[in-house]
Amino acid sequence: MRVDAWHCGLYAARVFFLVAGVVGFVFGAGDQYLGSLFLLGPWTSTVSGMSAPWLVLPFAFGATQAGQRRAMLTGLTAVMCALAGYFVMTLSPLESVPPVTSRRT
């Protein structure tokens, strides 16, 4: 089976969107977790509250793309996955949120 250049480019674009999503998710989860580490000192909540890294993340992924539409979609994917990671982490047991158990009475 012969693979042409168009399919390789399409595959590379999909993989890059996946990488942007995974890195964004880890970034958002890490930002939320860093803000909860009070044992390391007050700098953790200060760094977690900064907005600049949230602006750099989509810019860094979008700047690697050649086309404007793909750059916008890559940056949007990264920041939306970062928000998902942030909100998933707020409800995780790592943030001392007890797991929900259903009790039948």
Protein backbone atom coordinates (compact mmCIF):
# COMPACT_ATOMS: atom_id res chain seq x y z
CA MET A 1 0.00 0.00 0.00
CA ARG A 2 1.40 3.33 -1.06
CA VAL A 3 1.04 6.37 1.19
CA ASP A 4 1.09 9.72 -0.55
CA ALA A 5 2.28 13.05 0.85
CA TRP A 6 -1.27 14.36 1.41
CA HIS A 7 -2.13 11.53 3.80
CA CYS A 8 1.17 12.01 5.67
CA GLY A 9 0.41 15.71 6.10
CA LEU A 10 -3.11 14.95 7.29
CA TYR A 11 -1.78 12.42 9.78
CA ALA A 12 0.84 14.87 11.07
CA ALA A 13 -1.82 17.56 11.54
CA ARG A 14 -4.05 15.20 13.51
CA VAL A 15 -1.14 14.11 15.69
CA PHE A 16 -0.24 17.75 16.33
CA PHE A 17 -3.83 18.49 17.42
CA LEU A 18 -3.63 15.50 19.75
CA VAL A 19 -0.31 16.73 21.18
CA ALA A 20 -1.77 20.22 21.65
CA GLY A 21 -4.74 18.73 23.49
CA VAL A 22 -2.68 16.52 25.77
CA VAL A 23 -0.16 19.26 26.60
CA GLY A 24 -3.03 21.68 27.20
CA PHE A 25 -4.80 19.25 29.52
CA VAL A 26 -1.63 18.60 31.51
CA PHE A 27 -0.91 22.34 31.66
CA GLY A 28 -4.36 23.13 33.06
CA ALA A 29 -4.26 20.30 35.58
CA GLY A 30 -0.75 21.28 36.65
CA ASP A 31 -1.76 24.91 37.08
CA GLN A 32 -4.65 23.95 39.32
CA TYR A 33 -2.54 21.53 41.33
CA LEU A 34 0.28 24.05 41.74
CA GLY A 35 -2.16 26.56 43.22
CA SER A 36 -3.15 24.10 45.93
CA LEU A 37 0.39 23.36 47.15
CA PHE A 38 0.55 25.72 50.11
CA LEU A 39 3.30 23.68 51.77
CA LEU A 40 5.85 24.97 49.26
CA GLY A 41 5.13 28.58 50.14
CA PRO A 42 3.02 31.45 48.87
CA TRP A 43 4.75 31.54 45.49
CA THR A 44 2.74 28.55 44.25
CA SER A 45 -0.59 30.34 44.43
CA THR A 46 0.98 33.45 42.90
CA VAL A 47 2.34 31.52 39.93
CA SER A 48 -0.94 29.65 39.56
CA GLY A 49 -2.88 32.92 39.48
CA MET A 50 -0.84 34.48 36.68
CA SER A 51 -2.63 34.81 33.37
CA ALA A 52 0.43 35.10 31.12
CA PRO A 53 1.06 31.34 30.80
CA TRP A 54 -2.56 30.91 29.73
CA LEU A 55 -1.92 33.37 26.90
CA VAL A 56 1.42 31.86 25.92
CA LEU A 57 0.04 28.32 25.62
CA PRO A 58 -2.30 28.88 22.63
CA PHE A 59 0.12 31.34 21.05
CA ALA A 60 2.98 28.85 21.22
CA PHE A 61 0.95 26.12 19.54
CA GLY A 62 -0.60 28.44 16.97
CA ALA A 63 2.73 29.98 16.03
CA THR A 64 4.00 26.62 14.82
CA GLN A 65 1.34 26.36 12.10
CA ALA A 66 1.62 27.73 8.58
CA GLY A 67 -2.02 28.58 7.92
CA GLN A 68 -4.13 31.03 9.90
CA ARG A 69 -7.10 28.71 10.29
CA ARG A 70 -5.01 25.79 11.48
CA ALA A 71 -3.10 28.09 13.87
CA MET A 72 -6.36 29.34 15.36
CA LEU A 73 -7.77 25.83 15.72
CA THR A 74 -4.57 24.49 17.26
CA GLY A 75 -4.43 27.31 19.82
CA LEU A 76 -8.12 26.87 20.57
CA THR A 77 -7.65 23.13 21.06
CA ALA A 78 -4.76 23.70 23.46
CA VAL A 79 -6.58 26.26 25.60
CA MET A 80 -9.89 24.37 25.69
CA CYS A 81 -8.11 21.20 26.78
CA ALA A 82 -6.22 23.26 29.38
CA LEU A 83 -9.53 24.50 30.76
CA ALA A 84 -10.86 20.95 30.81
CA GLY A 85 -7.78 19.80 32.72
CA TYR A 86 -8.14 22.68 35.15
CA PHE A 87 -11.78 21.93 35.92
CA VAL A 88 -11.26 18.16 36.09
CA MET A 89 -8.49 18.73 38.60
CA THR A 90 -10.73 20.91 40.80
CA LEU A 91 -12.98 17.91 41.35
CA SER A 92 -10.26 15.29 41.77
CA PRO A 93 -9.22 13.48 44.94
CA LEU A 94 -5.78 15.13 44.59
CA GLU A 95 -7.50 18.38 45.56
CA SER A 96 -8.98 16.74 48.69
CA VAL A 97 -12.43 16.36 47.16
CA PRO A 98 -14.01 13.21 48.57
CA PRO A 99 -15.36 10.74 46.03
CA VAL A 100 -19.12 10.72 45.74
CA THR A 101 -20.73 7.57 47.01
CA SER A 102 -24.39 6.86 46.67
CA ARG A 103 -26.08 5.80 49.86
CA ARG A 104 -29.40 4.10 49.75
CA THR A 105 -31.46 4.36 52.86
